[in-house]
Amino acid sequence: MVMNIADNIAKIRSDMALAAKKSGRELSEIKLMGVTKYHPIEMMTEAAPHLDLIGENKVQEAVNKRAVWPVGMASCPWHMIGHLQRNKIRRALESFDLIESIDSLETAVGINRVISEGGPRRFPVYIEVNMSREAAKSGVAPEEAERLLEGMMTDCPLLSVEGLMTVALDTEDECVLREIFGGLRELREKLRCATGLPLPELSMGMSGDFMTAIEEGSTIVRVGSAIFGPRNYG
């Protein structure tokens, strides 16, 4: 069976609309990110006209793909969604329009410093929160998120914190998923009250759980395999 990426995206958007309607929201409130890790540039360029965002996990992979992006072909914004090593900050800022995975003040300060070298401009970021508290996952602990945000507001004037991101537990238990996604939404409200920042974005939900995430308030769903099929790790 030949994969039709446009048809896959249309099906996902239909499911997104159902989840939005169920929760009393408008589909226009929710952006679809295509997660392109290990998928070739040909599949990315086929998908890009139908996506709101492209998400890449690794800086070097994004650098390589940007270098071969067809000349003259428009692209939706690129978000970094993987853990950012501090020695990759400069390359990340060259390749991404937004970094979703800030989980330490040291990383945030490093980004702010590199940005400052090129003249004053504000760069958008999200804070990644480890809502599932898994040791193998990146992200700041929920109870440390307010301290991190306040530190960024004090020490990183060139960063614009626009939202929160999380990666849920790999489970089909809807109650657990709702606890994670609802917990991030509630944390966002707490941070809004504490800092006065609007924090409009909640990046949560992937191929297996994006409908639940939308029902719990997600504004960005990050979908890979449901669009592109299994990854080619070779």
Protein backbone atom coordinates (compact mmCIF):
# COMPACT_ATOMS: atom_id res chain seq x y z
CA MET A 1 0.00 0.00 0.00
CA VAL A 2 1.41 3.38 -1.02
CA MET A 3 1.41 5.97 1.75
CA ASN A 4 -0.40 9.19 0.92
CA ILE A 5 0.91 11.85 3.26
CA ALA A 6 -1.73 14.42 2.31
CA ASP A 7 -4.50 11.91 3.04
CA ASN A 8 -2.91 11.03 6.39
CA ILE A 9 -2.79 14.69 7.36
CA ALA A 10 -6.40 15.22 6.28
CA LYS A 11 -7.46 12.31 8.52
CA ILE A 12 -5.51 13.73 11.45
CA ARG A 13 -7.07 17.16 10.97
CA SER A 14 -10.50 15.53 10.91
CA ASP A 15 -9.73 13.81 14.23
CA MET A 16 -8.40 17.09 15.60
CA ALA A 17 -11.68 18.76 14.67
CA LEU A 18 -13.67 16.07 16.47
CA ALA A 19 -11.59 16.46 19.63
CA ALA A 20 -11.87 20.25 19.46
CA LYS A 21 -15.65 20.09 19.07
CA LYS A 22 -15.94 17.65 21.95
CA SER A 23 -14.12 20.09 24.24
CA GLY A 24 -15.92 23.20 22.99
CA ARG A 25 -12.93 24.58 21.13
CA GLU A 26 -12.26 25.79 17.59
CA LEU A 27 -9.94 23.80 15.33
CA SER A 28 -8.23 27.07 14.43
CA GLU A 29 -6.88 27.20 18.01
CA ILE A 30 -4.75 24.09 17.44
CA LYS A 31 -1.66 23.72 15.24
CA LEU A 32 -0.45 20.49 13.66
CA MET A 33 3.28 19.82 13.80
CA GLY A 34 4.82 17.15 11.61
CA VAL A 35 7.62 15.43 13.53
CA THR A 36 10.19 14.56 10.89
CA LYS A 37 12.99 12.84 12.82
CA TYR A 38 14.71 10.29 10.54
CA HIS A 39 12.26 10.98 7.71
CA PRO A 40 13.77 12.07 4.37
CA ILE A 41 13.54 15.52 2.88
CA GLU A 42 11.28 14.24 0.07
CA MET A 43 8.59 13.26 2.58
CA MET A 44 9.03 16.53 4.44
CA THR A 45 8.54 18.68 1.36
CA GLU A 46 5.46 16.67 0.43
CA ALA A 47 3.99 17.25 3.88
CA ALA A 48 5.05 20.84 4.50
CA PRO A 49 2.25 22.57 2.52
CA HIS A 50 -0.31 20.76 4.70
CA LEU A 51 1.35 21.39 8.09
CA ASP A 52 1.46 24.33 10.47
CA LEU A 53 4.88 23.44 11.92
CA ILE A 54 7.83 21.09 11.42
CA GLY A 55 9.43 19.53 14.50
CA GLU A 56 12.94 18.10 14.63
CA ASN A 57 14.65 16.46 17.61
CA LYS A 58 18.29 16.82 16.68
CA VAL A 59 20.20 19.95 15.73
CA GLN A 60 22.52 18.31 13.20
CA GLU A 61 19.66 16.59 11.40
CA ALA A 62 17.86 19.93 11.10
CA VAL A 63 21.04 21.61 9.82
CA ASN A 64 21.46 18.92 7.15
CA LYS A 65 17.84 19.11 6.04
CA ARG A 66 17.79 22.89 5.92
CA ALA A 67 20.85 22.75 3.66
CA VAL A 68 19.02 20.66 1.04
CA TRP A 69 15.60 22.30 1.32
CA PRO A 70 14.50 23.15 -2.24
CA VAL A 71 15.40 26.69 -3.23
CA GLY A 72 12.30 28.86 -3.49
CA MET A 73 10.03 26.41 -1.66
CA ALA A 74 8.28 27.98 1.29
CA SER A 75 8.34 26.18 4.63
CA CYS A 76 6.27 26.44 7.76
CA PRO A 77 8.22 27.31 10.95
CA TRP A 78 10.65 24.75 12.40
CA HIS A 79 10.55 23.95 16.11
CA MET A 80 13.24 22.11 18.06
CA ILE A 81 11.55 19.52 20.27
CA GLY A 82 14.53 17.45 21.44
CA HIS A 83 16.96 18.03 24.27
CA LEU A 84 19.32 20.89 23.46
CA GLN A 85 22.97 20.46 24.38
CA ARG A 86 24.61 23.75 25.25
CA ASN A 87 27.41 23.21 22.73
CA LYS A 88 24.76 23.06 19.96
CA ILE A 89 23.01 26.34 20.83
CA ARG A 90 24.54 28.40 18.05
CA ARG A 91 23.64 25.88 15.34
CA ALA A 92 20.16 25.46 16.79
CA LEU A 93 19.50 29.18 16.55
CA GLU A 94 20.56 29.09 12.90
CA SER A 95 18.16 26.25 12.05
CA PHE A 96 15.06 26.69 14.21
CA ASP A 97 12.42 29.36 14.54
CA LEU A 98 11.53 28.30 18.10
CA ILE A 99 12.98 25.98 20.76
CA GLU A 100 10.40 24.04 22.78
CA SER A 101 12.76 22.14 25.03
CA ILE A 102 14.23 24.62 27.54
CA ASP A 103 14.65 22.73 30.81
CA SER A 104 17.44 24.58 32.65
CA LEU A 105 18.44 28.15 33.37
CA GLU A 106 21.98 27.40 32.14
CA THR A 107 20.66 26.49 28.68
CA ALA A 108 18.41 29.56 28.61
CA VAL A 109 21.28 31.86 29.61
CA GLY A 110 23.44 30.30 26.89
CA ILE A 111 20.79 30.98 24.25
CA ASN A 112 20.37 34.55 25.50
CA ARG A 113 24.12 35.11 25.26
CA VAL A 114 24.40 33.83 21.69
CA ILE A 115 21.41 35.90 20.58
CA SER A 116 22.92 39.02 22.12
CA GLU A 117 26.02 38.67 19.95
CA GLY A 118 23.98 39.29 16.82
CA GLY A 119 22.20 42.38 18.01
CA PRO A 120 19.01 42.71 20.03
CA ARG A 121 16.17 40.44 18.97
CA ARG A 122 13.77 38.35 20.99
CA PHE A 123 13.70 34.61 20.38
CA PRO A 124 10.62 32.51 21.25
CA VAL A 125 10.95 29.46 23.49
CA TYR A 126 8.83 27.07 25.53
CA ILE A 127 9.73 25.44 28.83
CA GLU A 128 9.72 21.63 28.73
CA VAL A 129 8.14 20.09 31.81
CA ASN A 130 8.58 16.43 32.75
CA MET A 131 4.99 15.89 33.86
CA SER A 132 5.36 12.11 33.89
CA ARG A 133 8.48 12.36 36.10
CA GLU A 134 10.31 9.69 34.09
CA ALA A 135 14.03 9.60 34.74
CA ALA A 136 14.80 8.97 31.06
CA LYS A 137 12.92 12.06 29.91
CA SER A 138 14.16 15.62 29.69
CA GLY A 139 12.24 18.49 31.22
CA VAL A 140 12.12 20.44 34.44
CA ALA A 141 10.12 18.96 37.33
CA PRO A 142 6.68 20.60 37.62
CA GLU A 143 7.48 22.07 41.03
CA GLU A 144 10.64 23.71 39.61
CA ALA A 145 8.98 25.29 36.58
CA GLU A 146 8.08 28.54 38.32
CA ARG A 147 11.63 29.06 39.57
CA LEU A 148 12.99 28.39 36.08
CA LEU A 149 10.54 30.79 34.45
CA GLU A 150 11.29 33.54 36.94
CA GLY A 151 15.02 33.03 36.42
CA MET A 152 14.58 33.31 32.67
CA MET A 153 12.56 36.51 33.06
CA THR A 154 15.38 37.98 35.16
CA ASP A 155 18.47 36.68 33.37
CA CYS A 156 17.31 36.17 29.77
CA PRO A 157 15.75 39.40 28.49
CA LEU A 158 16.11 38.31 24.86
CA LEU A 159 14.00 35.17 25.33
CA SER A 160 10.24 35.30 24.93
CA VAL A 161 8.68 32.43 26.90
CA GLU A 162 5.48 31.65 25.04
CA GLY A 163 4.34 28.34 26.46
CA LEU A 164 5.00 24.92 27.93
CA MET A 165 5.74 21.53 26.38
CA THR A 166 5.58 17.99 27.70
CA VAL A 167 6.02 14.43 26.47
CA ALA A 168 3.43 12.14 28.03
CA LEU A 169 3.92 8.67 29.43
CA ASP A 170 3.76 5.96 26.75
CA THR A 171 0.45 4.47 27.81
CA GLU A 172 -3.06 3.80 26.53
CA ASP A 173 -4.51 4.61 29.96
CA GLU A 174 -6.63 7.68 29.25
CA CYS A 175 -6.88 8.57 32.93
CA VAL A 176 -3.10 8.79 33.18
CA LEU A 177 -2.89 10.84 30.00
CA ARG A 178 -5.56 13.25 31.20
CA GLU A 179 -3.69 13.67 34.48
CA ILE A 180 -0.51 14.57 32.58
CA PHE A 181 -2.09 16.88 30.01
CA GLY A 182 -4.51 18.45 32.48
CA GLY A 183 -1.63 18.89 34.89
CA LEU A 184 0.34 20.90 32.34
CA ARG A 185 -2.69 23.08 31.65
CA GLU A 186 -3.13 23.73 35.37
CA LEU A 187 0.58 24.48 35.74
CA ARG A 188 0.29 27.00 32.92
CA GLU A 189 -2.52 28.77 34.81
CA LYS A 190 -0.40 28.86 37.96
CA LEU A 191 2.55 30.35 36.08
CA ARG A 192 0.30 32.90 34.42
CA CYS A 193 -0.90 34.09 37.80
CA ALA A 194 2.61 34.13 39.28
CA THR A 195 4.34 35.98 36.44
CA GLY A 196 1.71 37.82 34.43
CA LEU A 197 2.92 36.21 31.20
CA PRO A 198 0.16 35.03 28.84
CA LEU A 199 1.90 31.72 27.95
CA PRO A 200 -0.55 31.02 25.13
CA GLU A 201 0.91 27.73 23.91
CA LEU A 202 0.63 24.19 25.28
CA SER A 203 2.60 21.74 23.12
CA MET A 204 1.36 18.30 24.09
CA GLY A 205 0.02 15.21 22.37
CA MET A 206 1.57 12.89 19.79
CA SER A 207 0.34 10.28 17.29
CA GLY A 208 -1.27 7.99 19.87
CA ASP A 209 -2.77 10.54 22.24
CA PHE A 210 -3.28 13.86 20.47
CA MET A 211 -7.08 13.76 20.68
CA THR A 212 -6.93 13.44 24.47
CA ALA A 213 -4.35 16.24 24.58
CA ILE A 214 -6.64 18.52 22.56
CA GLU A 215 -9.52 17.81 24.91
CA GLU A 216 -7.23 18.87 27.78
CA GLY A 217 -6.18 22.13 26.14
CA SER A 218 -3.30 21.45 23.75
CA THR A 219 -2.58 24.18 21.20
CA ILE A 220 0.11 22.20 19.33
CA VAL A 221 0.05 18.47 18.62
CA ARG A 222 3.28 16.83 17.49
CA VAL A 223 2.52 13.97 15.08
CA GLY A 224 5.11 11.79 13.37
CA SER A 225 4.26 8.17 12.62
CA ALA A 226 0.58 8.86 11.87
CA ILE A 227 1.74 11.16 9.07
CA PHE A 228 4.96 9.59 7.81
CA GLY A 229 4.74 5.97 8.94
CA PRO A 230 7.47 4.13 10.87
CA ARG A 231 10.86 5.84 11.12
CA ASN A 232 13.80 4.48 9.17
CA TYR A 233 16.46 4.36 11.88
CA GLY A 234 19.01 3.13 9.38
